[in-house]
N, C-alpha and C. Protein backbone atom coordinates (compact mmCIF):
# COMPACT_ATOMS: atom_id res chain seq x y z
N MET A 1 -47.61 33.01 -82.59
CA MET A 1 -48.65 32.01 -82.71
C MET A 1 -48.64 31.47 -84.10
N TRP A 2 -48.83 30.13 -84.31
CA TRP A 2 -48.82 29.51 -85.63
C TRP A 2 -50.24 29.28 -86.01
N GLU A 3 -50.45 28.97 -87.30
CA GLU A 3 -51.79 28.72 -87.81
C GLU A 3 -51.87 27.35 -88.48
N ALA A 4 -52.81 26.50 -88.06
CA ALA A 4 -53.02 25.22 -88.64
C ALA A 4 -54.04 25.38 -89.83
N THR A 5 -53.73 24.78 -90.97
CA THR A 5 -54.63 24.84 -92.09
C THR A 5 -54.95 23.42 -92.62
N MET A 6 -56.23 23.17 -92.77
CA MET A 6 -56.63 21.85 -93.36
C MET A 6 -57.87 22.00 -94.13
N PHE A 7 -57.90 21.55 -95.35
CA PHE A 7 -59.04 21.60 -96.22
C PHE A 7 -59.49 23.07 -96.45
N GLY A 8 -58.60 23.98 -96.49
CA GLY A 8 -58.94 25.38 -96.67
C GLY A 8 -59.49 26.08 -95.43
N LEU A 9 -59.54 25.40 -94.28
CA LEU A 9 -59.93 26.04 -93.10
C LEU A 9 -58.71 26.26 -92.23
N SER A 10 -58.73 27.34 -91.44
CA SER A 10 -57.57 27.58 -90.64
C SER A 10 -57.96 27.81 -89.15
N SER A 11 -56.99 27.51 -88.35
CA SER A 11 -57.16 27.72 -86.89
C SER A 11 -55.96 28.35 -86.36
N PRO A 12 -56.04 29.30 -85.34
CA PRO A 12 -54.89 30.00 -84.85
C PRO A 12 -54.17 29.19 -83.74
N GLY A 13 -54.15 27.87 -83.86
CA GLY A 13 -53.46 27.03 -82.88
C GLY A 13 -53.79 25.59 -83.12
N PRO A 14 -53.55 24.73 -82.22
CA PRO A 14 -53.88 23.31 -82.35
C PRO A 14 -55.39 23.14 -82.35
N VAL A 15 -55.88 22.13 -83.12
CA VAL A 15 -57.23 21.80 -83.21
C VAL A 15 -57.65 21.03 -81.95
N VAL A 16 -56.77 20.10 -81.52
CA VAL A 16 -56.98 19.39 -80.26
C VAL A 16 -55.62 19.06 -79.64
N TYR A 17 -55.62 18.77 -78.37
CA TYR A 17 -54.40 18.22 -77.71
C TYR A 17 -54.65 16.77 -77.47
N TRP A 18 -53.64 15.90 -77.63
CA TRP A 18 -53.78 14.45 -77.39
C TRP A 18 -53.04 14.10 -76.13
N ARG A 19 -53.74 13.31 -75.23
CA ARG A 19 -53.12 12.86 -73.98
C ARG A 19 -53.51 11.44 -73.77
N PRO A 20 -52.57 10.58 -73.35
CA PRO A 20 -52.92 9.14 -72.99
C PRO A 20 -53.53 9.14 -71.60
N ASN A 21 -54.53 8.30 -71.47
CA ASN A 21 -55.23 8.15 -70.22
C ASN A 21 -56.06 6.82 -70.32
N GLY A 22 -55.91 5.98 -69.21
CA GLY A 22 -56.76 4.80 -69.19
C GLY A 22 -56.55 3.77 -70.35
N GLY A 23 -55.37 3.76 -70.87
CA GLY A 23 -55.07 2.79 -71.92
C GLY A 23 -55.41 3.18 -73.35
N GLN A 24 -55.78 4.50 -73.49
CA GLN A 24 -56.06 5.09 -74.79
C GLN A 24 -55.47 6.49 -74.81
N ARG A 25 -55.36 6.99 -76.05
CA ARG A 25 -55.00 8.43 -76.25
C ARG A 25 -56.32 9.15 -76.62
N HIS A 26 -56.61 10.18 -75.78
CA HIS A 26 -57.81 10.94 -75.89
C HIS A 26 -57.47 12.35 -76.44
N ALA A 27 -58.48 13.01 -77.12
CA ALA A 27 -58.30 14.36 -77.57
C ALA A 27 -58.99 15.29 -76.56
N LEU A 28 -58.32 16.42 -76.35
CA LEU A 28 -58.78 17.48 -75.45
C LEU A 28 -58.87 18.74 -76.21
N TRP A 29 -59.98 19.51 -76.01
CA TRP A 29 -60.14 20.78 -76.73
C TRP A 29 -59.25 21.83 -76.15
N PRO A 30 -58.71 22.71 -77.03
CA PRO A 30 -57.98 23.87 -76.57
C PRO A 30 -59.00 24.96 -76.12
N PRO A 31 -58.74 26.01 -75.60
CA PRO A 31 -57.41 26.65 -75.65
C PRO A 31 -56.51 26.35 -74.46
N GLU A 32 -57.06 25.72 -73.41
CA GLU A 32 -56.24 25.49 -72.24
C GLU A 32 -55.29 24.26 -72.45
N LEU A 33 -54.00 24.58 -72.23
CA LEU A 33 -52.90 23.58 -72.39
C LEU A 33 -53.11 22.51 -71.33
N PRO A 34 -53.14 21.24 -71.71
CA PRO A 34 -53.32 20.16 -70.77
C PRO A 34 -52.14 20.02 -69.83
N ARG A 35 -52.38 19.90 -68.48
CA ARG A 35 -51.37 19.81 -67.48
C ARG A 35 -51.76 18.67 -66.53
N ALA A 36 -50.71 17.97 -66.01
CA ALA A 36 -50.99 16.90 -65.03
C ALA A 36 -51.74 17.47 -63.88
N GLY A 37 -52.68 16.69 -63.39
CA GLY A 37 -53.50 17.07 -62.26
C GLY A 37 -54.85 17.79 -62.58
N GLN A 38 -54.96 18.21 -63.86
CA GLN A 38 -56.29 18.81 -64.30
C GLN A 38 -57.26 17.67 -64.53
N THR A 39 -58.61 18.04 -64.28
CA THR A 39 -59.70 17.16 -64.65
C THR A 39 -60.28 17.87 -65.83
N ARG A 40 -60.38 17.12 -67.00
CA ARG A 40 -60.79 17.69 -68.15
C ARG A 40 -61.75 16.73 -68.93
N GLU A 41 -62.65 17.28 -69.77
CA GLU A 41 -63.58 16.53 -70.53
C GLU A 41 -62.85 16.27 -71.90
N THR A 42 -62.98 15.08 -72.34
CA THR A 42 -62.34 14.71 -73.63
C THR A 42 -63.32 15.00 -74.78
N VAL A 43 -62.88 14.93 -75.97
CA VAL A 43 -63.74 15.18 -77.18
C VAL A 43 -64.85 14.06 -77.15
N CYS A 44 -64.54 12.91 -76.70
CA CYS A 44 -65.63 11.78 -76.72
C CYS A 44 -66.50 11.91 -75.54
N GLY A 45 -66.30 12.90 -74.67
CA GLY A 45 -67.27 13.11 -73.52
C GLY A 45 -66.84 12.50 -72.20
N ALA A 46 -65.67 11.81 -72.13
CA ALA A 46 -65.23 11.16 -70.93
C ALA A 46 -64.62 12.32 -70.09
N THR A 47 -64.70 12.20 -68.77
CA THR A 47 -64.03 13.09 -67.85
C THR A 47 -62.88 12.37 -67.28
N ILE A 48 -61.67 12.95 -67.47
CA ILE A 48 -60.44 12.23 -67.01
C ILE A 48 -59.50 13.23 -66.18
N THR A 49 -58.80 12.61 -65.32
CA THR A 49 -57.76 13.45 -64.56
C THR A 49 -56.45 13.12 -65.27
N LEU A 50 -55.74 14.21 -65.73
CA LEU A 50 -54.50 14.09 -66.47
C LEU A 50 -53.38 13.72 -65.61
N THR A 51 -52.48 12.91 -66.10
CA THR A 51 -51.20 12.51 -65.38
C THR A 51 -50.08 12.91 -66.31
N GLU A 52 -48.86 12.86 -65.84
CA GLU A 52 -47.75 13.05 -66.60
C GLU A 52 -47.50 11.79 -67.44
N PRO A 53 -47.67 11.78 -68.77
CA PRO A 53 -47.52 10.51 -69.50
C PRO A 53 -46.11 10.06 -69.64
N SER A 54 -45.89 8.73 -69.63
CA SER A 54 -44.55 8.20 -69.88
C SER A 54 -44.38 8.12 -71.33
N GLU A 55 -43.20 7.73 -71.76
CA GLU A 55 -42.89 7.56 -73.20
C GLU A 55 -43.73 6.40 -73.74
N VAL A 56 -43.90 5.36 -72.97
CA VAL A 56 -44.67 4.21 -73.40
C VAL A 56 -46.18 4.46 -73.52
N ASP A 57 -46.72 5.41 -72.69
CA ASP A 57 -48.16 5.75 -72.81
C ASP A 57 -48.54 6.21 -74.17
N TRP A 58 -47.69 6.84 -74.90
CA TRP A 58 -47.96 7.35 -76.23
C TRP A 58 -48.24 6.28 -77.20
N PHE A 59 -47.84 5.04 -76.92
CA PHE A 59 -48.10 3.93 -77.80
C PHE A 59 -49.50 3.35 -77.65
N HIS A 60 -50.29 3.79 -76.66
CA HIS A 60 -51.63 3.31 -76.51
C HIS A 60 -52.43 3.62 -77.76
N PRO A 61 -53.50 2.80 -77.97
CA PRO A 61 -54.29 3.08 -79.14
C PRO A 61 -55.10 4.42 -78.98
N THR A 62 -55.46 4.95 -80.13
CA THR A 62 -56.23 6.22 -80.07
C THR A 62 -57.72 5.93 -79.86
N CYS A 63 -58.36 6.64 -78.98
CA CYS A 63 -59.84 6.50 -78.72
C CYS A 63 -60.52 6.76 -80.09
N GLU A 64 -61.29 5.79 -80.56
CA GLU A 64 -61.98 5.91 -81.85
C GLU A 64 -63.04 7.05 -81.86
N SER A 65 -63.70 7.34 -80.81
CA SER A 65 -64.63 8.39 -80.77
C SER A 65 -63.93 9.77 -80.83
N CYS A 66 -62.83 9.89 -80.16
CA CYS A 66 -62.07 11.19 -80.25
C CYS A 66 -61.49 11.35 -81.67
N MET A 67 -61.04 10.31 -82.27
CA MET A 67 -60.46 10.43 -83.61
C MET A 67 -61.52 10.86 -84.63
N VAL A 68 -62.74 10.47 -84.52
CA VAL A 68 -63.79 10.92 -85.39
C VAL A 68 -64.02 12.38 -85.30
């Protein structure tokens, strides 16, 4: 397992997972790895059903609320 460090704080894994959905990239809380078919709550509070993203989907803009 790797450790992420930022501003002197550390985490034993990813801080969030990013997944495109509905024309934006949203952040999802760990520890559960995002998989297509799951219904998850995003950091911004939206409930989305995950799909298998295409290469183009990753070019969608980032959700401003999730980025904060």
